[in-house]
Amino acid sequence: MSAFLETPQGRHIAYNRTEGRAPGVVFLGGLVSDMTGTKATHLEAWARAEGRAFLRFDYSGHGESSERFEDGCVGDWAEDAREAITTLTDGPQVLVGSSMGGWIALLLARAIPERIAAIVGIAAAPDFTEDSMWAEASDEQRAQLMNEGFFIEPSDYSDEGYIVTRRMIEDGRHNLVLRAPLSLPFPVRLLHGTADTDVPVAVGLRLMEHADCADLRLTLVKGADHRFSTPECLDLITDTIATLPGT
């Protein structure tokens, strides 16, 4: 059964925490995903077997947490993640960020670098609200966004698609990480599938080129898609965490 954390903004964040040795591992999920997904639960089982501390949680508007998804934005979800990490964990953590979670991990690297031991990005999607949602929106979608405050984005993961709001786009512009210096003073590992049609490999290459990081590696997996959840991909994630220097 999930426990709940109340943030300073009054949001109630559902979480599951496993006690264990440091450094702990924190899973940061993607857009419209929750902490019951394959990667989150696989990592939890691995952490338990290894005796490692582990935390998974739902952003507000996701899963069991409070609020409506359409009222949220990346800035809110980064606040949720920061509060979960600073309140529910001790010392530096290994952040494992999937898709949007990779962007949130980079925002946390700016906000609380002292609480980060390493970052593992899985199809990390920094700046996607601007470089994907807005850049790829049609003229009709942009007009609807400005006039009505939202449009519906089709999704391979939901029959109904999901709502893209004006707040989400405008907030995203205040949280871009690829347009200004990005210092990552800890090991960073980026994992990306070559068959990812949601977040192109070019995003990982751009992040690798842009970041100021002395120990950053990008691993490409031929044929892997955005889910990155085959048994081989899941094992690669845990092997990557296990071989991080200093952790």
Protein backbone atom coordinates (compact mmCIF):
# COMPACT_ATOMS: atom_id res chain seq x y z
CA MET A 1 0.00 0.00 0.00
CA SER A 2 1.32 3.43 -0.93
CA ALA A 3 2.17 6.11 1.60
CA PHE A 4 1.57 9.81 0.90
CA LEU A 5 3.74 12.90 1.21
CA GLU A 6 2.23 16.38 1.33
CA THR A 7 4.28 18.95 -0.57
CA PRO A 8 4.59 22.63 0.44
CA GLN A 9 2.17 23.37 -2.41
CA GLY A 10 -0.48 21.13 -0.81
CA ARG A 11 -0.20 18.28 -3.30
CA HIS A 12 -0.33 14.70 -2.00
CA ILE A 13 2.31 12.47 -3.57
CA ALA A 14 1.91 8.70 -3.43
CA TYR A 15 5.13 6.77 -2.91
CA ASN A 16 6.69 3.43 -2.06
CA ARG A 17 10.03 3.36 -0.28
CA THR A 18 12.40 0.47 0.32
CA GLU A 19 15.03 0.76 3.03
CA GLY A 20 18.58 -0.25 2.21
CA ARG A 21 22.17 0.83 1.83
CA ALA A 22 23.37 4.02 0.21
CA PRO A 23 23.44 5.45 -2.29
CA GLY A 24 19.74 4.99 -2.80
CA VAL A 25 18.06 4.79 -6.20
CA VAL A 26 15.13 7.03 -7.14
CA PHE A 27 12.98 6.30 -10.20
CA LEU A 28 11.58 9.31 -12.06
CA GLY A 29 8.84 8.24 -14.45
CA GLY A 30 7.71 9.64 -17.75
CA LEU A 31 4.75 11.72 -18.84
CA VAL A 32 1.38 10.06 -18.09
CA SER A 33 3.13 7.07 -16.50
CA ASP A 34 2.98 5.91 -12.91
CA MET A 35 5.08 4.06 -10.36
CA THR A 36 3.51 0.67 -11.16
CA GLY A 37 5.19 0.49 -14.57
CA THR A 38 7.58 -2.23 -15.66
CA LYS A 39 10.80 -0.26 -15.19
CA ALA A 40 9.83 1.06 -11.74
CA THR A 41 8.83 -2.32 -10.36
CA HIS A 42 11.82 -4.09 -11.94
CA LEU A 43 14.16 -1.57 -10.31
CA GLU A 44 12.44 -2.02 -6.96
CA ALA A 45 12.86 -5.80 -7.11
CA TRP A 46 16.51 -5.39 -8.08
CA ALA A 47 17.15 -2.89 -5.28
CA ARG A 48 15.61 -5.23 -2.71
CA ALA A 49 17.74 -8.12 -3.93
CA GLU A 50 20.84 -5.92 -3.72
CA GLY A 51 19.93 -4.39 -0.37
CA ARG A 52 19.83 -0.91 -1.91
CA ALA A 53 17.50 1.87 -0.78
CA PHE A 54 14.89 2.65 -3.42
CA LEU A 55 12.10 5.17 -3.95
CA ARG A 56 9.35 5.30 -6.56
CA PHE A 57 6.49 7.78 -6.57
CA ASP A 58 3.74 9.33 -8.66
CA TYR A 59 3.95 12.97 -9.72
CA SER A 60 0.84 15.01 -8.97
CA GLY A 61 -1.84 14.29 -11.56
CA HIS A 62 -0.36 10.83 -12.12
CA GLY A 63 -1.24 7.45 -10.64
CA GLU A 64 -2.42 7.59 -7.04
CA SER A 65 -1.30 11.16 -6.33
CA SER A 66 -3.65 14.12 -5.99
CA GLU A 67 -4.51 16.78 -8.59
CA ARG A 68 -5.59 16.54 -12.22
CA PHE A 69 -3.05 15.78 -14.92
CA GLU A 70 -4.28 18.66 -17.09
CA ASP A 71 -3.57 21.15 -14.31
CA GLY A 72 0.09 20.13 -14.03
CA CYS A 73 3.34 20.97 -15.80
CA VAL A 74 7.01 20.02 -15.73
CA GLY A 75 7.78 22.65 -13.12
CA ASP A 76 5.18 21.18 -10.76
CA TRP A 77 6.44 17.65 -11.29
CA ALA A 78 10.04 18.72 -10.69
CA GLU A 79 8.87 20.30 -7.41
CA ASP A 80 7.19 17.01 -6.49
CA ALA A 81 10.40 15.10 -7.23
CA ARG A 82 12.55 17.53 -5.26
CA GLU A 83 10.27 17.28 -2.22
CA ALA A 84 10.19 13.48 -2.41
CA ILE A 85 13.97 13.23 -2.61
CA THR A 86 14.80 15.77 0.07
CA THR A 87 12.15 14.46 2.48
CA LEU A 88 12.15 10.71 1.89
CA THR A 89 15.81 9.91 1.18
CA ASP A 90 19.15 10.43 2.91
CA GLY A 91 22.30 11.60 1.19
CA PRO A 92 23.11 11.59 -2.53
CA GLN A 93 20.88 9.44 -4.72
CA VAL A 94 21.17 7.76 -8.11
CA LEU A 95 18.38 9.29 -10.20
CA VAL A 96 16.99 7.01 -12.89
CA GLY A 97 14.91 9.18 -15.19
CA SER A 98 12.75 7.72 -17.95
CA SER A 99 11.76 10.06 -20.80
CA MET A 100 10.34 13.16 -19.06
CA GLY A 101 11.96 11.82 -15.89
CA GLY A 102 15.31 12.41 -17.57
CA TRP A 103 14.44 16.09 -17.98
CA ILE A 104 13.33 16.28 -14.35
CA ALA A 105 16.62 14.68 -13.26
CA LEU A 106 18.49 17.45 -15.09
CA LEU A 107 16.35 20.12 -13.40
CA LEU A 108 17.20 18.53 -10.05
CA ALA A 109 20.87 18.62 -11.02
CA ARG A 110 20.52 22.40 -11.13
CA ALA A 111 18.47 22.66 -7.96
CA ILE A 112 20.03 20.10 -5.59
CA PRO A 113 23.30 18.81 -7.08
CA GLU A 114 24.54 17.89 -3.61
CA ARG A 115 21.77 15.26 -3.38
CA ILE A 116 22.72 13.51 -6.63
CA ALA A 117 25.31 10.71 -6.83
CA ALA A 118 24.68 9.94 -10.51
CA ILE A 119 22.04 10.15 -13.23
CA VAL A 120 20.89 7.32 -15.49
CA GLY A 121 18.69 8.61 -18.30
CA ILE A 122 16.46 6.18 -20.21
CA ALA A 123 15.40 7.82 -23.49
CA ALA A 124 15.83 11.12 -21.68
CA ALA A 125 13.59 13.84 -23.11
CA PRO A 126 14.85 17.27 -22.00
CA ASP A 127 12.92 20.27 -23.36
CA PHE A 128 10.31 18.06 -25.05
CA THR A 129 7.45 20.52 -24.51
CA GLU A 130 9.24 23.00 -26.78
CA ASP A 131 11.19 20.75 -29.14
CA SER A 132 8.51 18.11 -29.66
CA MET A 133 5.04 19.20 -28.52
CA TRP A 134 5.22 22.81 -29.71
CA ALA A 135 7.60 22.32 -32.63
CA GLU A 136 5.52 19.50 -34.09
CA ALA A 137 2.07 20.97 -33.40
CA SER A 138 -0.01 21.88 -36.43
CA ASP A 139 -1.26 25.42 -37.04
CA GLU A 140 -4.71 24.23 -35.95
CA GLN A 141 -3.36 22.74 -32.71
CA ARG A 142 -1.40 25.90 -31.92
CA ALA A 143 -4.47 28.04 -32.54
CA GLN A 144 -6.57 25.80 -30.29
CA LEU A 145 -3.89 25.95 -27.59
CA MET A 146 -3.84 29.75 -27.63
CA ASN A 147 -7.62 30.18 -27.89
CA GLU A 148 -8.93 27.30 -25.77
CA GLY A 149 -5.89 26.55 -23.60
CA PHE A 150 -5.26 22.98 -24.76
CA PHE A 151 -5.18 20.43 -27.55
CA ILE A 152 -5.23 16.62 -27.55
CA GLU A 153 -2.00 14.88 -28.49
CA PRO A 154 -2.41 11.36 -29.95
CA SER A 155 -0.48 8.71 -28.07
CA ASP A 156 0.60 5.14 -28.70
CA TYR A 157 0.05 4.51 -25.00
CA SER A 158 -3.54 5.76 -24.66
CA ASP A 159 -6.60 5.51 -26.90
CA GLU A 160 -7.74 8.94 -25.75
CA GLY A 161 -4.34 10.60 -26.18
CA TYR A 162 -3.38 13.20 -23.59
CA ILE A 163 -4.02 16.86 -23.03
CA VAL A 164 -1.34 19.39 -23.92
CA THR A 165 -2.12 22.64 -22.13
CA ARG A 166 -0.96 26.18 -22.67
CA ARG A 167 0.39 26.17 -19.10
CA MET A 168 2.46 23.08 -19.87
CA ILE A 169 4.05 24.74 -22.91
CA GLU A 170 4.66 28.10 -21.21
CA ASP A 171 6.03 26.50 -18.04
CA GLY A 172 8.30 24.31 -20.14
CA ARG A 173 9.92 27.43 -21.59
CA HIS A 174 10.95 28.46 -18.07
CA ASN A 175 12.57 25.06 -17.46
CA LEU A 176 14.59 24.41 -20.62
CA VAL A 177 17.99 22.84 -19.96
CA LEU A 178 19.53 22.68 -23.43
CA ARG A 179 19.64 26.46 -23.98
CA ALA A 180 21.93 27.43 -21.08
CA PRO A 181 25.01 25.95 -19.39
CA LEU A 182 24.28 22.58 -17.80
CA SER A 183 26.78 21.39 -15.21
CA LEU A 184 26.55 17.73 -14.22
CA PRO A 185 29.32 17.16 -11.64
CA PHE A 186 28.72 13.42 -11.25
CA PRO A 187 28.60 10.34 -13.51
CA VAL A 188 25.84 10.37 -16.14
CA ARG A 189 24.76 7.39 -18.23
CA LEU A 190 22.30 7.79 -21.09
CA LEU A 191 20.54 4.72 -22.53
CA HIS A 192 18.60 5.07 -25.78
CA GLY A 193 16.98 2.73 -28.29
CA THR A 194 17.61 3.23 -32.00
CA ALA A 195 13.96 2.41 -32.77
CA ASP A 196 12.62 5.10 -30.41
CA THR A 197 10.07 7.10 -32.42
CA ASP A 198 8.99 9.29 -29.48
CA VAL A 199 12.39 10.68 -28.48
CA PRO A 200 14.91 10.47 -31.34
CA VAL A 201 18.48 9.38 -30.69
CA ALA A 202 19.46 12.91 -31.78
CA VAL A 203 18.12 14.19 -28.44
CA GLY A 204 20.59 12.01 -26.54
CA LEU A 205 23.43 13.15 -28.79
CA ARG A 206 22.45 16.79 -28.28
CA LEU A 207 22.39 16.34 -24.51
CA MET A 208 25.77 14.61 -24.58
CA GLU A 209 27.28 17.45 -26.59
CA HIS A 210 25.67 20.19 -24.49
CA ALA A 211 26.29 19.02 -20.92
CA ASP A 212 29.39 19.96 -18.97
CA CYS A 213 30.18 16.53 -17.51
CA ALA A 214 33.52 14.79 -17.07
CA ASP A 215 32.00 11.30 -17.03
CA LEU A 216 29.10 11.02 -19.47
CA ARG A 217 28.40 8.02 -21.69
CA LEU A 218 25.64 7.34 -24.20
CA THR A 219 24.73 3.73 -24.93
CA LEU A 220 22.60 2.97 -27.99
CA VAL A 221 20.61 -0.26 -28.15
CA LYS A 222 19.78 -1.36 -31.67
CA GLY A 223 16.07 -2.02 -32.18
CA ALA A 224 14.94 -0.89 -28.72
CA ASP A 225 11.86 1.35 -28.69
CA HIS A 226 10.80 4.13 -26.33
CA ARG A 227 9.44 1.74 -23.72
CA PHE A 228 12.94 0.26 -23.21
CA SER A 229 11.31 -2.54 -21.22
CA THR A 230 12.43 -5.81 -22.80
CA PRO A 231 14.25 -8.17 -20.41
CA GLU A 232 17.53 -7.21 -22.08
CA CYS A 233 16.86 -3.49 -21.68
CA LEU A 234 15.80 -3.90 -18.06
CA ASP A 235 19.00 -5.82 -17.31
CA LEU A 236 21.03 -3.10 -19.02
CA ILE A 237 19.46 -0.48 -16.73
CA THR A 238 20.34 -2.37 -13.55
CA ASP A 239 23.79 -3.32 -14.84
CA THR A 240 24.41 0.35 -15.58
CA ILE A 241 23.47 1.35 -12.03
CA ALA A 242 25.56 -1.45 -10.53
CA THR A 243 28.70 -0.37 -12.40
CA LEU A 244 28.50 3.37 -11.67
CA PRO A 245 31.79 4.54 -10.15
CA GLY A 246 31.63 5.44 -6.49
CA THR A 247 28.16 4.02 -5.91
